[in-house]
Amino acid sequence: MYYIYCYIDPTTNLPFYVGKGTQKRAYTHMYNAKEDNNKNKTRFKNKLNKMKRAGIEPVIIFLAQNIQDEQIAYDIEEAYIKEYGRKGYEKNGILLNICEGARPPNHKGKTYEEIYGDRAKEQKNKRHKLQLDAGGWFKNHKHTDNAKQKIKEKSTGLFNSNSSNVTEEDLLIIGKEFCNYFNNEISSKKWKWWCKQKNIPTIRKTFRFNGIDIFDIFVEKFNAVKKHDSMLWFHNPETKIAFRILDWELNITSIPEGFIRGRGIGNFKKGFSL
């Protein structure tokens, strides 16, 4: 799930940066507020450093949450940036964002000529030289023992999608238990948690079902329903610590004493690990 966040200067109560992220993205700026060579971030990071030296902590609010489609998240981010305006770019703009959005260009399926035009040959030669300087195309490349072990673990076992010993029956047994446990209301995060408990990879597609998403098989076979997870917030009024947790996680964990529903105004803390 994606969200749109906003940094606010508590001395003016005005926003000065809008961004898109997942998980802890909204808070990483605070952890890494140091100078870098990225001109798109310099103004923002300089502001954070200046506030830090003055002992001022910015307020972080979430303008939109639980966005499933990344393209929609980009649209919302760009809409807010246009609404507030960028300082030095739009009249009366107040944000320190340089770009109107962080949407990456889509080059999927395009040729070098379509992407670079007259510079296509130059870019091809540049990448070819870089590859040769790095030792050629897989020439003399050796995996470390640790990497070999990880590859071995992924390429063996019951739930390797390329293994001949995977059967539809195996997958359906695990899937039926999973659906029953969550009363046939399934989601990606629930599936990841379930697979972790069972110590199996979180595969979603397999050649045994002709590449069909396993969730679609669960819906057909077990009358399961795909459901979006809801995020719940709790905070401790005394310590000012806040954390978030998924709604279904409340059935397998407990809220510590002193925490109440609501985001509060404290520092964010990751929800409890299961």
C-alpha atoms as a PDB file:
ATOM      1  CA  MET A   1       0.000   0.000   0.000  1.00  0.00           C
ATOM      2  CA  TYR A   2       1.196   3.523  -0.826  1.00  0.00           C
ATOM      3  CA  TYR A   3       0.579   6.789   0.985  1.00  0.00           C
ATOM      4  CA  ILE A   4       1.116  10.515   0.451  1.00  0.00           C
ATOM      5  CA  TYR A   5       2.882  12.376   3.248  1.00  0.00           C
ATOM      6  CA  CYS A   6       3.582  16.011   4.000  1.00  0.00           C
ATOM      7  CA  TYR A   7       6.212  17.783   6.127  1.00  0.00           C
ATOM      8  CA  ILE A   8       4.974  20.827   8.049  1.00  0.00           C
ATOM      9  CA  ASP A   9       7.024  23.548   9.751  1.00  0.00           C
ATOM     10  CA  PRO A  10       5.512  23.897  13.264  1.00  0.00           C
ATOM     11  CA  THR A  11       6.731  27.509  13.514  1.00  0.00           C
ATOM     12  CA  THR A  12       4.536  28.551  10.574  1.00  0.00           C
ATOM     13  CA  ASN A  13       2.099  25.617  10.329  1.00  0.00           C
ATOM     14  CA  LEU A  14       2.799  25.566   6.594  1.00  0.00           C
ATOM     15  CA  PRO A  15       3.749  22.491   4.537  1.00  0.00           C
ATOM     16  CA  PHE A  16       7.163  22.549   2.896  1.00  0.00           C
ATOM     17  CA  TYR A  17       7.460  19.113   1.274  1.00  0.00           C
ATOM     18  CA  VAL A  18       5.072  16.511  -0.192  1.00  0.00           C
ATOM     19  CA  GLY A  19       6.109  12.973  -1.077  1.00  0.00           C
ATOM     20  CA  LYS A  20       4.895   9.460  -1.882  1.00  0.00           C
ATOM     21  CA  GLY A  21       6.039   6.365  -0.061  1.00  0.00           C
ATOM     22  CA  THR A  22       5.496   2.992   1.554  1.00  0.00           C
ATOM     23  CA  GLN A  23       6.459   1.589   4.952  1.00  0.00           C
ATOM     24  CA  LYS A  24       8.956   3.977   6.668  1.00  0.00           C
ATOM     25  CA  ARG A  25       9.626   6.239   3.667  1.00  0.00           C
ATOM     26  CA  ALA A  26       8.051   9.308   5.280  1.00  0.00           C
ATOM     27  CA  TYR A  27      10.519   9.130   8.166  1.00  0.00           C
ATOM     28  CA  THR A  28      13.765   8.238   6.376  1.00  0.00           C
ATOM     29  CA  HIS A  29      14.335  11.905   5.531  1.00  0.00           C
ATOM     30  CA  MET A  30      14.685  12.563   9.252  1.00  0.00           C
ATOM     31  CA  TYR A  31      17.210   9.766   9.717  1.00  0.00           C
ATOM     32  CA  ASN A  32      19.300  10.772   6.709  1.00  0.00           C
ATOM     33  CA  ALA A  33      19.026  14.558   6.807  1.00  0.00           C
ATOM     34  CA  LYS A  34      22.519  15.247   5.486  1.00  0.00           C
ATOM     35  CA  GLU A  35      23.883  16.974   2.439  1.00  0.00           C
ATOM     36  CA  ASP A  36      24.077  15.047  -0.830  1.00  0.00           C
ATOM     37  CA  ASN A  37      24.587  15.781  -4.508  1.00  0.00           C
ATOM     38  CA  ASN A  38      20.978  15.266  -5.522  1.00  0.00           C
ATOM     39  CA  LYS A  39      19.781  18.735  -6.470  1.00  0.00           C
ATOM     40  CA  ASN A  40      16.157  17.558  -6.220  1.00  0.00           C
ATOM     41  CA  LYS A  41      16.619  16.949  -2.482  1.00  0.00           C
ATOM     42  CA  THR A  42      19.134  19.633  -1.473  1.00  0.00           C
ATOM     43  CA  ARG A  43      16.624  22.391  -0.640  1.00  0.00           C
ATOM     44  CA  PHE A  44      14.500  20.014   1.400  1.00  0.00           C
ATOM     45  CA  LYS A  45      17.451  18.498   3.288  1.00  0.00           C
ATOM     46  CA  ASN A  46      18.967  21.904   3.970  1.00  0.00           C
ATOM     47  CA  LYS A  47      15.652  22.903   5.536  1.00  0.00           C
ATOM     48  CA  LEU A  48      15.665  19.771   7.728  1.00  0.00           C
ATOM     49  CA  ASN A  49      19.254  20.413   8.822  1.00  0.00           C
ATOM     50  CA  LYS A  50      18.455  24.020   9.673  1.00  0.00           C
ATOM     51  CA  MET A  51      15.439  22.955  11.758  1.00  0.00           C
ATOM     52  CA  LYS A  52      17.501  20.278  13.478  1.00  0.00           C
ATOM     53  CA  ARG A  53      20.168  22.804  14.500  1.00  0.00           C
ATOM     54  CA  ALA A  54      17.431  25.052  15.885  1.00  0.00           C
ATOM     55  CA  GLY A  55      15.906  22.167  17.848  1.00  0.00           C
ATOM     56  CA  ILE A  56      12.691  22.214  15.803  1.00  0.00           C
ATOM     57  CA  GLU A  57      11.081  18.951  14.798  1.00  0.00           C
ATOM     58  CA  PRO A  58       8.890  18.968  11.680  1.00  0.00           C
ATOM     59  CA  VAL A  59       5.369  17.586  11.838  1.00  0.00           C
ATOM     60  CA  ILE A  60       4.599  14.740   9.440  1.00  0.00           C
ATOM     61  CA  ILE A  61       1.017  14.208   8.348  1.00  0.00           C
ATOM     62  CA  PHE A  62      -0.514  11.747   5.885  1.00  0.00           C
ATOM     63  CA  LEU A  63      -2.655  13.275   3.165  1.00  0.00           C
ATOM     64  CA  ALA A  64      -3.775   9.917   1.738  1.00  0.00           C
ATOM     65  CA  GLN A  65      -3.246   6.316   2.831  1.00  0.00           C
ATOM     66  CA  ASN A  66      -3.885   2.693   1.815  1.00  0.00           C
ATOM     67  CA  ILE A  67      -3.480   3.421  -1.907  1.00  0.00           C
ATOM     68  CA  GLN A  68      -3.151   0.133  -3.773  1.00  0.00           C
ATOM     69  CA  ASP A  69      -2.343   1.422  -7.267  1.00  0.00           C
ATOM     70  CA  GLU A  70       1.051   3.152  -7.525  1.00  0.00           C
ATOM     71  CA  GLN A  71      -0.010   5.231 -10.519  1.00  0.00           C
ATOM     72  CA  ILE A  72      -2.950   6.609  -8.521  1.00  0.00           C
ATOM     73  CA  ALA A  73      -0.502   7.436  -5.718  1.00  0.00           C
ATOM     74  CA  TYR A  74       1.643   9.379  -8.192  1.00  0.00           C
ATOM     75  CA  ASP A  75      -1.461  11.241  -9.402  1.00  0.00           C
ATOM     76  CA  ILE A  76      -2.412  12.251  -5.846  1.00  0.00           C
ATOM     77  CA  GLU A  77       1.153  13.323  -5.021  1.00  0.00           C
ATOM     78  CA  GLU A  78       1.328  15.512  -8.132  1.00  0.00           C
ATOM     79  CA  ALA A  79      -2.089  17.008  -7.385  1.00  0.00           C
ATOM     80  CA  TYR A  80      -0.994  18.139  -3.903  1.00  0.00           C
ATOM     81  CA  ILE A  81       2.297  19.528  -5.208  1.00  0.00           C
ATOM     82  CA  LYS A  82       0.403  21.560  -7.796  1.00  0.00           C
ATOM     83  CA  GLU A  83      -2.084  22.724  -5.160  1.00  0.00           C
ATOM     84  CA  TYR A  84       0.580  24.080  -2.779  1.00  0.00           C
ATOM     85  CA  GLY A  85       2.985  25.120  -5.526  1.00  0.00           C
ATOM     86  CA  ARG A  86       6.790  24.901  -5.592  1.00  0.00           C
ATOM     87  CA  LYS A  87       8.809  27.739  -4.164  1.00  0.00           C
ATOM     88  CA  GLY A  88      10.642  29.525  -6.946  1.00  0.00           C
ATOM     89  CA  TYR A  89       8.662  27.766  -9.675  1.00  0.00           C
ATOM     90  CA  GLU A  90       5.017  28.716  -9.181  1.00  0.00           C
ATOM     91  CA  LYS A  91       3.685  32.035  -7.976  1.00  0.00           C
ATOM     92  CA  ASN A  92       3.159  31.944  -4.202  1.00  0.00           C
ATOM     93  CA  GLY A  93       4.518  28.393  -4.122  1.00  0.00           C
ATOM     94  CA  ILE A  94       5.605  27.157  -0.661  1.00  0.00           C
ATOM     95  CA  LEU A  95       6.958  23.627  -1.221  1.00  0.00           C
ATOM     96  CA  LEU A  96      10.653  22.817  -1.517  1.00  0.00           C
ATOM     97  CA  ASN A  97       9.983  20.042  -4.043  1.00  0.00           C
ATOM     98  CA  ILE A  98      11.919  20.518  -7.259  1.00  0.00           C
ATOM     99  CA  CYS A  99       9.842  18.195  -9.442  1.00  0.00           C
ATOM    100  CA  GLU A 100       6.070  18.156  -9.792  1.00  0.00           C
ATOM    101  CA  GLY A 101       6.195  14.432  -9.087  1.00  0.00           C
ATOM    102  CA  ALA A 102       8.562  11.485  -8.838  1.00  0.00           C
ATOM    103  CA  ARG A 103       6.858   9.337 -11.466  1.00  0.00           C
ATOM    104  CA  PRO A 104       9.621   7.445 -13.330  1.00  0.00           C
ATOM    105  CA  PRO A 105       9.540   7.308 -17.142  1.00  0.00           C
ATOM    106  CA  ASN A 106       8.127   4.066 -18.533  1.00  0.00           C
ATOM    107  CA  HIS A 107      10.701   2.527 -20.892  1.00  0.00           C
ATOM    108  CA  LYS A 108       9.275  -0.978 -20.842  1.00  0.00           C
ATOM    109  CA  GLY A 109       9.276  -2.548 -24.311  1.00  0.00           C
ATOM    110  CA  LYS A 110      11.011   0.455 -25.918  1.00  0.00           C
ATOM    111  CA  THR A 111      14.158   0.264 -28.034  1.00  0.00           C
ATOM    112  CA  TYR A 112      17.283   2.361 -27.489  1.00  0.00           C
ATOM    113  CA  GLU A 113      16.274   4.428 -30.515  1.00  0.00           C
ATOM    114  CA  GLU A 114      12.836   5.178 -29.022  1.00  0.00           C
ATOM    115  CA  ILE A 115      14.347   6.197 -25.688  1.00  0.00           C
ATOM    116  CA  TYR A 116      17.506   8.056 -26.710  1.00  0.00           C
ATOM    117  CA  GLY A 117      16.866   9.011 -30.335  1.00  0.00           C
ATOM    118  CA  ASP A 118      20.093  10.177 -31.994  1.00  0.00           C
ATOM    119  CA  ARG A 119      22.076   9.201 -28.874  1.00  0.00           C
ATOM    120  CA  ALA A 120      21.022   5.534 -29.079  1.00  0.00           C
ATOM    121  CA  LYS A 121      24.318   4.245 -30.513  1.00  0.00           C
ATOM    122  CA  GLU A 122      26.300   6.305 -27.993  1.00  0.00           C
ATOM    123  CA  GLN A 123      24.341   4.821 -25.083  1.00  0.00           C
ATOM    124  CA  LYS A 124      24.729   1.264 -26.409  1.00  0.00           C
ATOM    125  CA  ASN A 125      28.509   1.670 -26.688  1.00  0.00           C
ATOM    126  CA  LYS A 126      28.674   3.254 -23.240  1.00  0.00           C
ATOM    127  CA  ARG A 127      26.876   0.351 -21.597  1.00  0.00           C
ATOM    128  CA  HIS A 128      28.911  -2.185 -23.557  1.00  0.00           C
ATOM    129  CA  LYS A 129      32.154  -0.584 -22.342  1.00  0.00           C
ATOM    130  CA  LEU A 130      30.955  -0.497 -18.746  1.00  0.00           C
ATOM    131  CA  GLN A 131      30.121  -4.195 -18.916  1.00  0.00           C
ATOM    132  CA  LEU A 132      33.530  -5.064 -20.372  1.00  0.00           C
ATOM    133  CA  ASP A 133      35.281  -2.966 -17.712  1.00  0.00           C
ATOM    134  CA  ALA A 134      33.348  -4.881 -15.068  1.00  0.00           C
ATOM    135  CA  GLY A 135      34.771  -8.187 -16.331  1.00  0.00           C
ATOM    136  CA  GLY A 136      32.701  -8.917 -19.404  1.00  0.00           C
ATOM    137  CA  TRP A 137      29.393 -10.661 -19.754  1.00  0.00           C
ATOM    138  CA  PHE A 138      29.503 -13.072 -16.799  1.00  0.00           C
ATOM    139  CA  LYS A 139      33.206 -13.701 -17.438  1.00  0.00           C
ATOM    140  CA  ASN A 140      35.067 -15.072 -14.418  1.00  0.00           C
ATOM    141  CA  HIS A 141      32.060 -14.322 -12.215  1.00  0.00           C
ATOM    142  CA  LYS A 142      31.919 -16.413  -9.064  1.00  0.00           C
ATOM    143  CA  HIS A 143      29.277 -16.477  -6.356  1.00  0.00           C
ATOM    144  CA  THR A 144      30.291 -16.287  -2.728  1.00  0.00           C
ATOM    145  CA  ASP A 145      29.553 -19.305  -0.533  1.00  0.00           C
ATOM    146  CA  ASN A 146      26.761 -17.331   1.134  1.00  0.00           C
ATOM    147  CA  ALA A 147      25.204 -16.487  -2.230  1.00  0.00           C
ATOM    148  CA  LYS A 148      25.473 -20.107  -3.357  1.00  0.00           C
ATOM    149  CA  GLN A 149      23.623 -21.242  -0.247  1.00  0.00           C
ATOM    150  CA  LYS A 150      20.811 -18.749  -0.826  1.00  0.00           C
ATOM    151  CA  ILE A 151      20.491 -19.854  -4.460  1.00  0.00           C
ATOM    152  CA  LYS A 152      20.379 -23.479  -3.339  1.00  0.00           C
ATOM    153  CA  GLU A 153      17.627 -22.755  -0.812  1.00  0.00           C
ATOM    154  CA  LYS A 154      15.535 -20.985  -3.425  1.00  0.00           C
ATOM    155  CA  SER A 155      16.000 -23.684  -6.065  1.00  0.00           C
ATOM    156  CA  THR A 156      15.086 -26.681  -3.906  1.00  0.00           C
ATOM    157  CA  GLY A 157      12.153 -27.760  -1.797  1.00  0.00           C
ATOM    158  CA  LEU A 158       8.481 -28.455  -2.147  1.00  0.00           C
ATOM    159  CA  PHE A 159       7.422 -24.945  -3.141  1.00  0.00           C
ATOM    160  CA  ASN A 160       9.963 -24.201  -5.861  1.00  0.00           C
ATOM    161  CA  SER A 161       7.783 -23.208  -8.832  1.00  0.00           C
ATOM    162  CA  ASN A 162      10.346 -24.752 -11.224  1.00  0.00           C
ATOM    163  CA  SER A 163      10.528 -28.094  -9.397  1.00  0.00           C
ATOM    164  CA  SER A 164       8.854 -31.171 -10.799  1.00  0.00           C
ATOM    165  CA  ASN A 165       7.717 -32.323  -7.351  1.00  0.00           C
ATOM    166  CA  VAL A 166       5.249 -29.476  -6.878  1.00  0.00           C
ATOM    167  CA  THR A 167       1.686 -30.691  -7.145  1.00  0.00           C
ATOM    168  CA  GLU A 168      -1.654 -28.921  -7.221  1.00  0.00           C
ATOM    169  CA  GLU A 169      -2.685 -30.996  -4.218  1.00  0.00           C
ATOM    170  CA  ASP A 170       0.224 -29.658  -2.127  1.00  0.00           C
ATOM    171  CA  LEU A 171      -0.681 -26.063  -2.900  1.00  0.00           C
ATOM    172  CA  LEU A 172      -4.389 -26.553  -2.342  1.00  0.00           C
ATOM    173  CA  ILE A 173      -3.829 -28.169   1.075  1.00  0.00           C
ATOM    174  CA  ILE A 174      -1.810 -25.172   2.267  1.00  0.00           C
ATOM    175  CA  GLY A 175      -4.292 -22.795   0.639  1.00  0.00           C
ATOM    176  CA  LYS A 176      -7.329 -24.403   2.276  1.00  0.00           C
ATOM    177  CA  GLU A 177      -5.721 -24.153   5.727  1.00  0.00           C
ATOM    178  CA  PHE A 178      -4.843 -20.525   5.020  1.00  0.00           C
ATOM    179  CA  CYS A 179      -8.360 -19.603   3.914  1.00  0.00           C
ATOM    180  CA  ASN A 180      -9.966 -21.378   6.875  1.00  0.00           C
ATOM    181  CA  TYR A 181      -7.670 -19.625   9.333  1.00  0.00           C
ATOM    182  CA  PHE A 182      -8.709 -16.182   8.048  1.00  0.00           C
ATOM    183  CA  ASN A 183     -12.397 -17.062   7.523  1.00  0.00           C
ATOM    184  CA  ASN A 184     -11.931 -16.954   3.736  1.00  0.00           C
ATOM    185  CA  GLU A 185     -10.992 -13.239   3.768  1.00  0.00           C
ATOM    186  CA  ILE A 186      -7.538 -13.268   2.190  1.00  0.00           C
ATOM    187  CA  SER A 187      -4.915 -10.635   1.375  1.00  0.00           C
ATOM    188  CA  SER A 188      -1.279 -10.457   0.296  1.00  0.00           C
ATOM    189  CA  LYS A 189      -0.012  -9.497   3.753  1.00  0.00           C
ATOM    190  CA  LYS A 190      -1.950 -12.338   5.357  1.00  0.00           C
ATOM    191  CA  TRP A 191      -0.474 -14.774   2.832  1.00  0.00           C
ATOM    192  CA  LYS A 192       3.069 -13.540   3.525  1.00  0.00           C
ATOM    193  CA  TRP A 193       2.528 -13.957   7.259  1.00  0.00           C
ATOM    194  CA  TRP A 194       1.017 -17.409   6.800  1.00  0.00           C
ATOM    195  CA  CYS A 195       3.887 -18.618   4.608  1.00  0.00           C
ATOM    196  CA  LYS A 196       6.364 -17.310   7.169  1.00  0.00           C
ATOM    197  CA  GLN A 197       4.672 -19.343   9.904  1.00  0.00           C
ATOM    198  CA  LYS A 198       4.766 -22.422   7.669  1.00  0.00           C
ATOM    199  CA  ASN A 199       8.373 -21.689   6.661  1.00  0.00           C
ATOM    200  CA  ILE A 200       7.617 -21.726   2.935  1.00  0.00           C
ATOM    201  CA  PRO A 201       8.325 -19.168   0.170  1.00  0.00           C
ATOM    202  CA  THR A 202       5.488 -16.750  -0.558  1.00  0.00           C
ATOM    203  CA  ILE A 203       4.869 -17.841  -4.129  1.00  0.00           C
ATOM    204  CA  ARG A 204       1.789 -16.412  -5.799  1.00  0.00           C
ATOM    205  CA  LYS A 205       2.027 -17.964  -9.262  1.00  0.00           C
ATOM    206  CA  THR A 206       3.089 -21.416 -10.453  1.00  0.00           C
ATOM    207  CA  PHE A 207       3.242 -23.260 -13.750  1.00  0.00           C
ATOM    208  CA  ARG A 208       1.017 -25.942 -12.192  1.00  0.00           C
ATOM    209  CA  PHE A 209      -1.870 -23.497 -12.509  1.00  0.00           C
ATOM    210  CA  ASN A 210      -0.719 -22.106 -15.872  1.00  0.00           C
ATOM    211  CA  GLY A 211       0.694 -18.986 -14.241  1.00  0.00           C
ATOM    212  CA  ILE A 212      -2.629 -18.013 -12.630  1.00  0.00           C
ATOM    213  CA  ASP A 213      -2.448 -16.134  -9.348  1.00  0.00           C
ATOM    214  CA  ILE A 214      -2.981 -18.640  -6.524  1.00  0.00           C
ATOM    215  CA  PHE A 215      -5.442 -16.213  -4.910  1.00  0.00           C
ATOM    216  CA  ASP A 216      -7.735 -16.626  -7.908  1.00  0.00           C
ATOM    217  CA  ILE A 217      -7.571 -20.380  -7.381  1.00  0.00           C
ATOM    218  CA  PHE A 218      -8.451 -19.909  -3.694  1.00  0.00           C
ATOM    219  CA  VAL A 219     -11.418 -17.741  -4.666  1.00  0.00           C
ATOM    220  CA  GLU A 220     -12.678 -20.400  -7.068  1.00  0.00           C
ATOM    221  CA  LYS A 221     -11.977 -23.479  -4.940  1.00  0.00           C
ATOM    222  CA  PHE A 222     -12.734 -22.232  -1.425  1.00  0.00           C
ATOM    223  CA  ASN A 223     -15.111 -19.287  -1.987  1.00  0.00           C
ATOM    224  CA  ALA A 224     -12.441 -16.967  -0.572  1.00  0.00           C
ATOM    225  CA  VAL A 225     -12.762 -13.197  -0.893  1.00  0.00           C
ATOM    226  CA  LYS A 226      -9.864 -10.838  -1.558  1.00  0.00           C
ATOM    227  CA  LYS A 227      -9.924  -8.106   1.050  1.00  0.00           C
ATOM    228  CA  HIS A 228      -7.819  -4.977   1.519  1.00  0.00           C
ATOM    229  CA  ASP A 229      -6.126  -4.749   4.903  1.00  0.00           C
ATOM    230  CA  SER A 230      -7.028  -1.776   7.073  1.00  0.00           C
ATOM    231  CA  MET A 231      -4.347   0.070   9.039  1.00  0.00           C
ATOM    232  CA  LEU A 232      -5.034   0.910  12.684  1.00  0.00           C
ATOM    233  CA  TRP A 233      -3.091   3.479  14.691  1.00  0.00           C
ATOM    234  CA  PHE A 234      -2.359   3.478  18.429  1.00  0.00           C
ATOM    235  CA  HIS A 235      -0.354   5.868  20.583  1.00  0.00           C
ATOM    236  CA  ASN A 236       0.783   6.328  24.163  1.00  0.00           C
ATOM    237  CA  PRO A 237      -0.216   9.788  25.468  1.00  0.00           C
ATOM    238  CA  GLU A 238       2.607   9.763  28.016  1.00  0.00           C
ATOM    239  CA  THR A 239       5.572   8.570  25.943  1.00  0.00           C
ATOM    240  CA  LYS A 240       4.272  10.168  22.711  1.00  0.00           C
ATOM    241  CA  ILE A 241       5.118   6.955  20.846  1.00  0.00           C
ATOM    242  CA  ALA A 242       2.754   5.884  18.090  1.00  0.00           C
ATOM    243  CA  PHE A 243       2.638   2.803  15.921  1.00  0.00           C
ATOM    244  CA  ARG A 244       0.416   1.261  13.294  1.00  0.00           C
ATOM    245  CA  ILE A 245      -0.862  -2.288  12.958  1.00  0.00           C
ATOM    246  CA  LEU A 246      -3.104  -4.128  10.514  1.00  0.00           C
ATOM    247  CA  ASP A 247      -6.657  -4.837  11.636  1.00  0.00           C
ATOM    248  CA  TRP A 248      -6.333  -8.623  11.446  1.00  0.00           C
ATOM    249  CA  GLU A 249      -3.074  -8.568  13.434  1.00  0.00           C
ATOM    250  CA  LEU A 250      -5.133  -7.683  16.505  1.00  0.00           C
ATOM    251  CA  ASN A 251      -6.329 -11.302  16.531  1.00  0.00           C
ATOM    252  CA  ILE A 252      -2.799 -12.666  16.936  1.00  0.00           C
ATOM    253  CA  THR A 253      -1.160 -10.039  19.109  1.00  0.00           C
ATOM    254  CA  SER A 254      -2.124  -7.629  21.880  1.00  0.00           C
ATOM    255  CA  ILE A 255      -1.866  -3.897  22.413  1.00  0.00           C
ATOM    256  CA  PRO A 256       0.514  -3.031  25.288  1.00  0.00           C
ATOM    257  CA  GLU A 257      -0.770  -1.248  28.349  1.00  0.00           C
ATOM    258  CA  GLY A 258      -0.997   2.523  28.051  1.00  0.00           C
ATOM    259  CA  PHE A 259      -1.692   2.634  24.293  1.00  0.00           C
ATOM    260  CA  ILE A 260      -4.994   3.916  22.949  1.00  0.00           C
ATOM    261  CA  ARG A 261      -6.554   4.178  19.484  1.00  0.00           C
ATOM    262  CA  GLY A 262      -5.498   7.156  17.408  1.00  0.00           C
ATOM    263  CA  ARG A 263      -2.327   8.394  15.798  1.00  0.00           C
ATOM    264  CA  GLY A 264      -1.475  10.985  18.418  1.00  0.00           C
ATOM    265  CA  ILE A 265       1.253  13.546  17.798  1.00  0.00           C
ATOM    266  CA  GLY A 266       4.288  11.517  18.806  1.00  0.00           C
ATOM    267  CA  ASN A 267       7.033   9.698  16.973  1.00  0.00           C
ATOM    268  CA  PHE A 268       6.215   6.828  14.663  1.00  0.00           C
ATOM    269  CA  LYS A 269       7.189   3.314  15.710  1.00  0.00           C
ATOM    270  CA  LYS A 270       6.837   0.165  13.641  1.00  0.00           C
ATOM    271  CA  GLY A 271       4.003  -2.129  14.625  1.00  0.00           C
ATOM    272  CA  PHE A 272       4.756  -5.277  16.570  1.00  0.00           C
ATOM    273  CA  SER A 273       6.382  -8.115  14.682  1.00  0.00           C
ATOM    274  CA  LEU A 274       4.336 -11.290  14.618  1.00  0.00           C
END
